[in-house]
Amino acid sequence: MKSARMTVLVTPEQKTVIHDRARILGISTGEMVRRAVESFGASTGSAATAESEAVLNALADELQRAAGEAKVALVTANREMQSTLRQLARHRHAAP
């Protein structure tokens, strides 16, 4: 895919909002801007459809982020459980 650089001026507040939303979604600022432009209706022709698509994209991104966090939490919980089971087994074998 060919790409072209584009410079867009925004206020410092807008820049902060765009950067923060991208960070929350786990995507680059450039990707955030591209999705916002696409959801504006450039590719769908309908503002309502574009808005719905933008909402669905945001929800999908949030779901992906949450699933990643859940996976990390499950792996951590599994390690802790395995450690506890090993400790219990050692105590069981050491008991008179």
N, C-alpha and C. Protein backbone atom coordinates (compact mmCIF):
# COMPACT_ATOMS: atom_id res chain seq x y z
N MET A 1 0.84 -1.17 0.00
CA MET A 1 0.00 0.00 0.00
C MET A 1 0.89 1.23 0.00
N LYS A 2 0.60 2.13 -0.89
CA LYS A 2 1.32 3.38 -0.97
C LYS A 2 0.77 4.34 0.06
N SER A 3 1.62 5.17 0.62
CA SER A 3 1.15 6.14 1.59
C SER A 3 1.70 7.51 1.25
N ALA A 4 1.03 8.54 1.76
CA ALA A 4 1.45 9.91 1.54
C ALA A 4 1.33 10.65 2.87
N ARG A 5 2.27 11.52 3.11
CA ARG A 5 2.26 12.28 4.36
C ARG A 5 1.32 13.48 4.22
N MET A 6 0.62 13.77 5.34
CA MET A 6 -0.30 14.90 5.36
C MET A 6 -0.15 15.60 6.70
N THR A 7 0.00 16.90 6.69
CA THR A 7 0.12 17.67 7.92
C THR A 7 -1.21 18.36 8.19
N VAL A 8 -1.72 18.19 9.40
CA VAL A 8 -2.98 18.79 9.79
C VAL A 8 -2.75 19.56 11.08
N LEU A 9 -3.20 20.80 11.12
CA LEU A 9 -3.06 21.61 12.33
C LEU A 9 -4.28 21.43 13.21
N VAL A 10 -4.05 21.18 14.49
CA VAL A 10 -5.11 21.06 15.48
C VAL A 10 -4.69 21.88 16.70
N THR A 11 -5.65 22.16 17.56
CA THR A 11 -5.31 22.86 18.79
C THR A 11 -4.57 21.90 19.72
N PRO A 12 -3.85 22.43 20.70
CA PRO A 12 -3.20 21.54 21.67
C PRO A 12 -4.21 20.63 22.37
N GLU A 13 -5.39 21.15 22.65
CA GLU A 13 -6.41 20.34 23.32
C GLU A 13 -6.88 19.20 22.41
N GLN A 14 -7.10 19.50 21.13
CA GLN A 14 -7.51 18.46 20.19
C GLN A 14 -6.42 17.39 20.05
N LYS A 15 -5.19 17.84 20.00
CA LYS A 15 -4.08 16.89 19.90
C LYS A 15 -4.06 15.96 21.10
N THR A 16 -4.28 16.51 22.29
CA THR A 16 -4.30 15.69 23.51
C THR A 16 -5.44 14.68 23.46
N VAL A 17 -6.63 15.13 23.05
CA VAL A 17 -7.79 14.22 22.97
C VAL A 17 -7.52 13.10 21.98
N ILE A 18 -7.02 13.44 20.80
CA ILE A 18 -6.74 12.43 19.78
C ILE A 18 -5.70 11.44 20.28
N HIS A 19 -4.63 11.95 20.89
CA HIS A 19 -3.56 11.08 21.39
C HIS A 19 -4.09 10.17 22.50
N ASP A 20 -4.88 10.74 23.43
CA ASP A 20 -5.41 9.95 24.55
C ASP A 20 -6.37 8.86 24.06
N ARG A 21 -7.24 9.19 23.11
CA ARG A 21 -8.17 8.18 22.58
C ARG A 21 -7.41 7.06 21.89
N ALA A 22 -6.39 7.42 21.13
CA ALA A 22 -5.60 6.40 20.44
C ALA A 22 -4.91 5.49 21.46
N ARG A 23 -4.35 6.09 22.51
CA ARG A 23 -3.66 5.30 23.54
C ARG A 23 -4.64 4.35 24.22
N ILE A 24 -5.83 4.83 24.54
CA ILE A 24 -6.84 3.99 25.19
C ILE A 24 -7.22 2.82 24.29
N LEU A 25 -7.31 3.07 22.99
CA LEU A 25 -7.68 2.01 22.05
C LEU A 25 -6.50 1.12 21.68
N GLY A 26 -5.29 1.54 22.06
CA GLY A 26 -4.11 0.73 21.75
C GLY A 26 -3.71 0.82 20.29
N ILE A 27 -3.99 1.96 19.66
CA ILE A 27 -3.61 2.15 18.26
C ILE A 27 -2.78 3.42 18.14
N SER A 28 -2.14 3.60 17.01
CA SER A 28 -1.33 4.79 16.80
C SER A 28 -2.24 6.00 16.58
N THR A 29 -1.65 7.17 16.80
CA THR A 29 -2.40 8.40 16.56
C THR A 29 -2.80 8.49 15.09
N GLY A 30 -1.91 8.11 14.20
CA GLY A 30 -2.23 8.11 12.77
C GLY A 30 -3.41 7.21 12.44
N GLU A 31 -3.43 6.02 13.04
CA GLU A 31 -4.54 5.10 12.82
C GLU A 31 -5.83 5.69 13.37
N MET A 32 -5.74 6.35 14.50
CA MET A 32 -6.92 7.00 15.09
C MET A 32 -7.48 8.04 14.13
N VAL A 33 -6.62 8.86 13.57
CA VAL A 33 -7.06 9.90 12.63
C VAL A 33 -7.64 9.26 11.37
N ARG A 34 -6.98 8.22 10.84
CA ARG A 34 -7.49 7.56 9.63
C ARG A 34 -8.89 7.00 9.87
N ARG A 35 -9.09 6.34 11.02
CA ARG A 35 -10.41 5.78 11.32
C ARG A 35 -11.45 6.87 11.48
N ALA A 36 -11.06 7.97 12.11
CA ALA A 36 -12.00 9.08 12.28
C ALA A 36 -12.42 9.64 10.93
N VAL A 37 -11.48 9.78 10.03
CA VAL A 37 -11.79 10.30 8.69
C VAL A 37 -12.70 9.33 7.95
N GLU A 38 -12.37 8.05 8.01
CA GLU A 38 -13.20 7.05 7.33
C GLU A 38 -14.60 7.00 7.92
N SER A 39 -14.72 7.16 9.22
CA SER A 39 -16.04 7.08 9.85
C SER A 39 -16.87 8.33 9.61
N PHE A 40 -16.25 9.38 9.11
CA PHE A 40 -16.95 10.63 8.85
C PHE A 40 -17.91 10.51 7.68
N GLY A 41 -17.79 9.44 6.92
CA GLY A 41 -18.71 9.23 5.82
C GLY A 41 -18.04 9.21 4.47
N ALA A 42 -16.72 9.37 4.44
CA ALA A 42 -16.01 9.40 3.16
C ALA A 42 -16.17 8.09 2.40
N SER A 43 -16.28 6.98 3.13
CA SER A 43 -16.36 5.70 2.44
C SER A 43 -17.74 5.06 2.50
N THR A 44 -18.66 5.60 3.30
CA THR A 44 -19.97 4.95 3.44
C THR A 44 -21.09 5.71 2.78
N GLY A 45 -20.99 7.03 2.66
CA GLY A 45 -22.04 7.80 2.03
C GLY A 45 -23.17 8.20 2.96
N SER A 46 -23.26 7.62 4.13
CA SER A 46 -24.33 7.94 5.06
C SER A 46 -23.72 8.30 6.41
N ALA A 47 -24.08 9.47 6.93
CA ALA A 47 -23.53 9.91 8.22
C ALA A 47 -23.93 8.96 9.34
N ALA A 48 -25.17 8.48 9.33
CA ALA A 48 -25.62 7.56 10.37
C ALA A 48 -24.86 6.24 10.29
N THR A 49 -24.67 5.74 9.08
CA THR A 49 -23.92 4.50 8.89
C THR A 49 -22.48 4.69 9.32
N ALA A 50 -21.89 5.83 8.97
CA ALA A 50 -20.51 6.11 9.34
C ALA A 50 -20.36 6.20 10.85
N GLU A 51 -21.31 6.85 11.50
CA GLU A 51 -21.25 6.96 12.96
C GLU A 51 -21.38 5.59 13.61
N SER A 52 -22.29 4.77 13.11
CA SER A 52 -22.46 3.42 13.63
C SER A 52 -21.19 2.60 13.45
N GLU A 53 -20.58 2.74 12.29
CA GLU A 53 -19.34 2.02 12.02
C GLU A 53 -18.23 2.47 12.96
N ALA A 54 -18.16 3.77 13.21
CA ALA A 54 -17.15 4.29 14.13
C ALA A 54 -17.36 3.75 15.53
N VAL A 55 -18.61 3.70 15.96
CA VAL A 55 -18.92 3.17 17.29
C VAL A 55 -18.55 1.70 17.36
N LEU A 56 -18.90 0.94 16.33
CA LEU A 56 -18.56 -0.48 16.31
C LEU A 56 -17.05 -0.70 16.30
N ASN A 57 -16.32 0.12 15.55
CA ASN A 57 -14.87 0.01 15.54
C ASN A 57 -14.30 0.28 16.92
N ALA A 58 -14.80 1.31 17.58
CA ALA A 58 -14.33 1.64 18.92
C ALA A 58 -14.64 0.51 19.90
N LEU A 59 -15.85 -0.05 19.80
CA LEU A 59 -16.22 -1.16 20.67
C LEU A 59 -15.36 -2.39 20.41
N ALA A 60 -15.09 -2.66 19.15
CA ALA A 60 -14.23 -3.81 18.80
C ALA A 60 -12.82 -3.60 19.35
N ASP A 61 -12.31 -2.39 19.25
CA ASP A 61 -10.98 -2.10 19.79
C ASP A 61 -10.96 -2.28 21.30
N GLU A 62 -12.00 -1.79 21.97
CA GLU A 62 -12.09 -1.91 23.43
C GLU A 62 -12.21 -3.38 23.83
N LEU A 63 -12.99 -4.14 23.08
CA LEU A 63 -13.13 -5.57 23.36
C LEU A 63 -11.80 -6.29 23.20
N GLN A 64 -11.06 -5.95 22.15
CA GLN A 64 -9.75 -6.57 21.94
C GLN A 64 -8.80 -6.24 23.09
N ARG A 65 -8.81 -4.98 23.53
CA ARG A 65 -7.95 -4.57 24.64
C ARG A 65 -8.35 -5.32 25.92
N ALA A 66 -9.65 -5.40 26.18
CA ALA A 66 -10.13 -6.09 27.38
C ALA A 66 -9.80 -7.57 27.33
N ALA A 67 -9.91 -8.17 26.17
CA ALA A 67 -9.57 -9.59 26.03
C ALA A 67 -8.09 -9.82 26.31
N GLY A 68 -7.26 -8.92 25.86
CA GLY A 68 -5.83 -9.02 26.14
C GLY A 68 -5.54 -8.91 27.62
N GLU A 69 -6.20 -7.98 28.29
CA GLU A 69 -6.04 -7.83 29.74
C GLU A 69 -6.54 -9.07 30.47
N ALA A 70 -7.67 -9.62 30.02
CA ALA A 70 -8.21 -10.82 30.65
C ALA A 70 -7.25 -11.99 30.50
N LYS A 71 -6.63 -12.11 29.33
CA LYS A 71 -5.68 -13.19 29.10
C LYS A 71 -4.51 -13.08 30.06
N VAL A 72 -3.98 -11.86 30.22
CA VAL A 72 -2.87 -11.65 31.14
C VAL A 72 -3.28 -12.01 32.57
N ALA A 73 -4.49 -11.60 32.97
CA ALA A 73 -4.99 -11.90 34.30
C ALA A 73 -5.15 -13.40 34.51
N LEU A 74 -5.64 -14.11 33.51
CA LEU A 74 -5.80 -15.56 33.62
C LEU A 74 -4.46 -16.27 33.72
N VAL A 75 -3.50 -15.84 32.94
CA VAL A 75 -2.16 -16.44 33.00
C VAL A 75 -1.55 -16.22 34.37
N THR A 76 -1.68 -15.01 34.90
CA THR A 76 -1.16 -14.69 36.24
C THR A 76 -1.85 -15.53 37.30
N ALA A 77 -3.18 -15.62 37.24
CA ALA A 77 -3.94 -16.42 38.20
C ALA A 77 -3.54 -17.88 38.13
N ASN A 78 -3.32 -18.40 36.93
CA ASN A 78 -2.92 -19.79 36.76
C ASN A 78 -1.55 -20.04 37.39
N ARG A 79 -0.62 -19.12 37.19
CA ARG A 79 0.72 -19.26 37.79
C ARG A 79 0.62 -19.27 39.32
N GLU A 80 -0.18 -18.36 39.86
CA GLU A 80 -0.35 -18.30 41.31
C GLU A 80 -0.99 -19.57 41.84
N MET A 81 -1.98 -20.11 41.12
CA MET A 81 -2.63 -21.34 41.54
C MET A 81 -1.65 -22.52 41.51
N GLN A 82 -0.86 -22.59 40.45
CA GLN A 82 0.13 -23.67 40.36
C GLN A 82 1.14 -23.58 41.50
N SER A 83 1.56 -22.37 41.83
CA SER A 83 2.49 -22.17 42.94
C SER A 83 1.86 -22.61 44.26
N THR A 84 0.62 -22.26 44.48
CA THR A 84 -0.09 -22.65 45.70
C THR A 84 -0.22 -24.17 45.78
N LEU A 85 -0.55 -24.80 44.66
CA LEU A 85 -0.67 -26.26 44.65
C LEU A 85 0.66 -26.93 44.97
N ARG A 86 1.76 -26.38 44.44
CA ARG A 86 3.08 -26.94 44.75
C ARG A 86 3.40 -26.80 46.24
N GLN A 87 3.07 -25.64 46.82
CA GLN A 87 3.31 -25.42 48.24
C GLN A 87 2.49 -26.39 49.09
N LEU A 88 1.23 -26.58 48.72
CA LEU A 88 0.38 -27.53 49.45
C LEU A 88 0.92 -28.96 49.35
N ALA A 89 1.40 -29.32 48.17
CA ALA A 89 1.96 -30.67 48.00
C ALA A 89 3.21 -30.84 48.86
N ARG A 90 4.06 -29.82 48.93
CA ARG A 90 5.26 -29.90 49.78
C ARG A 90 4.88 -30.06 51.26
N HIS A 91 3.89 -29.29 51.69
CA HIS A 91 3.45 -29.37 53.09
C HIS A 91 2.82 -30.74 53.38
N ARG A 92 2.11 -31.26 52.42
CA ARG A 92 1.47 -32.58 52.59
C ARG A 92 2.53 -33.66 52.77
N HIS A 93 3.59 -33.61 51.94
CA HIS A 93 4.64 -34.63 52.00
C HIS A 93 5.52 -34.43 53.24
N ALA A 94 5.61 -33.20 53.73
CA ALA A 94 6.46 -32.93 54.91
C ALA A 94 5.74 -33.22 56.21
N ALA A 95 4.41 -33.33 56.18
CA ALA A 95 3.63 -33.58 57.40
C ALA A 95 3.89 -34.98 57.91
N PRO A 96 3.97 -35.12 59.27
CA PRO A 96 4.23 -36.45 59.85
C PRO A 96 3.07 -37.41 59.73
